């Protein structure tokens, strides 16, 4: 079986055009260990297409998404993968906007 749906990612920090996300493992791994995660984000503007934040499968439960546009609202979703495949996307995170700043996340 595939893993259960993950909770929405948590917005940990916003700095400049970057956002640090964190999430928890799904409650149920589907009987097979979780192999990794994908992160999706979308600008909440007309005709915006969802984007994978990284083409690789992530093996950690956090990520910094860089290169976002200032003053544009964004939401984020994650999904987990195990040996049986990907689970559907989580619910959306809270909506955020990046503000101009000289700080950058590392």
Protein backbone atom coordinates (compact mmCIF):
# COMPACT_ATOMS: atom_id res chain seq x y z
CA UNK A 1 0.00 0.00 0.00
CA UNK A 2 0.99 3.60 -0.44
CA UNK A 3 1.60 5.83 2.60
CA UNK A 4 -1.23 7.80 4.14
CA UNK A 5 -1.63 11.44 3.15
CA UNK A 6 0.83 13.79 4.82
CA UNK A 7 -0.20 16.82 6.83
CA UNK A 8 0.43 20.15 5.05
CA UNK A 9 4.00 21.44 5.31
CA UNK A 10 4.72 23.98 8.00
CA UNK A 11 6.19 27.37 7.08
CA UNK A 12 9.17 27.67 9.43
CA UNK A 13 10.82 30.84 8.12
CA UNK A 14 10.47 33.38 5.32
CA UNK A 15 13.52 35.41 4.37
CA UNK A 16 13.97 37.40 1.19
CA UNK A 17 12.78 35.26 -1.73
CA UNK A 18 13.19 32.00 0.24
CA UNK A 19 10.92 29.90 2.43
CA UNK A 20 11.97 27.13 4.83
CA UNK A 21 9.43 24.31 5.06
CA UNK A 22 9.20 21.41 7.48
CA UNK A 23 6.84 18.44 7.55
CA UNK A 24 6.20 15.21 9.40
CA UNK A 25 6.20 11.65 8.15
CA UNK A 26 2.74 10.32 7.26
CA UNK A 27 0.94 8.55 10.10
CA UNK A 28 0.99 5.29 8.12
CA UNK A 29 3.88 4.25 5.85
CA UNK A 30 1.79 1.73 3.88
CA UNK A 31 3.77 -1.20 5.26
CA UNK A 32 6.94 -0.07 3.48
CA UNK A 33 9.49 2.48 4.75
CA UNK A 34 9.16 6.06 3.46
CA UNK A 35 11.85 6.58 0.78
CA UNK A 36 11.45 10.33 0.33
CA UNK A 37 9.29 13.32 -0.45
CA UNK A 38 8.42 15.74 -3.21
CA UNK A 39 7.56 19.40 -2.64
CA UNK A 40 5.19 21.32 -4.89
CA UNK A 41 4.47 25.02 -4.83
CA UNK A 42 2.14 27.33 -6.67
CA UNK A 43 1.85 31.08 -6.98
CA UNK A 44 -1.74 32.14 -6.38
CA UNK A 45 -2.00 34.30 -9.49
CA UNK A 46 -3.90 33.85 -12.75
CA UNK A 47 -2.70 30.96 -14.92
CA UNK A 48 0.07 29.91 -12.51
CA UNK A 49 1.17 26.31 -12.89
CA UNK A 50 2.24 24.19 -9.91
CA UNK A 51 6.03 23.65 -9.82
CA UNK A 52 8.12 20.88 -8.26
CA UNK A 53 10.54 22.62 -5.91
CA UNK A 54 13.25 20.07 -6.66
CA UNK A 55 13.25 17.37 -9.37
CA UNK A 56 15.01 14.95 -6.99
CA UNK A 57 13.28 12.89 -4.34
CA UNK A 58 14.12 14.52 -1.00
CA UNK A 59 15.22 12.28 1.86
CA UNK A 60 14.78 14.88 4.60
CA UNK A 61 11.66 16.31 6.21
CA UNK A 62 12.56 19.93 5.47
CA UNK A 63 13.55 22.09 2.54
CA UNK A 64 14.38 25.67 1.59
CA UNK A 65 12.53 26.82 -1.53
CA UNK A 66 14.43 29.66 -3.22
CA UNK A 67 13.77 32.05 -6.06
CA UNK A 68 10.22 33.01 -5.18
CA UNK A 69 8.80 36.34 -6.32
CA UNK A 70 8.26 39.15 -3.85
CA UNK A 71 4.71 40.10 -2.83
CA UNK A 72 3.22 37.09 -4.66
CA UNK A 73 1.13 34.68 -2.59
CA UNK A 74 2.30 31.04 -2.59
CA UNK A 75 1.09 27.74 -1.16
CA UNK A 76 3.04 24.48 -0.77
CA UNK A 77 2.19 20.76 -0.72
CA UNK A 78 4.19 17.60 -0.16
CA UNK A 79 3.78 13.92 -0.88
CA UNK A 80 5.63 10.91 0.42
CA UNK A 81 6.88 7.87 -1.47
CA UNK A 82 7.46 4.34 -0.29
CA UNK A 83 8.26 1.12 -2.18
CA UNK A 84 4.70 1.05 -3.57
CA UNK A 85 4.66 4.59 -4.98
CA UNK A 86 3.66 8.15 -4.24
CA UNK A 87 0.75 9.17 -2.10
CA UNK A 88 -1.55 11.96 -3.26
CA UNK A 89 -0.48 15.52 -2.43
CA UNK A 90 -1.07 16.86 1.07
CA UNK A 91 -3.49 19.67 1.75
CA UNK A 92 -2.09 23.12 1.03
CA UNK A 93 0.09 24.99 3.49
CA UNK A 94 -0.91 28.37 4.76
CA UNK A 95 -0.54 31.13 2.17
CA UNK A 96 2.67 33.18 2.37
CA UNK A 97 4.25 36.18 0.63
CA UNK A 98 7.97 36.90 0.45
CA UNK A 99 9.02 40.40 1.46
CA UNK A 100 12.10 42.25 0.25
CA UNK A 101 14.99 41.73 2.64
CA UNK A 102 18.74 41.49 2.62
CA UNK A 103 18.62 38.26 4.62
CA UNK A 104 18.79 34.89 2.88
CA UNK A 105 18.19 31.41 4.25
CA UNK A 106 21.09 28.97 4.24
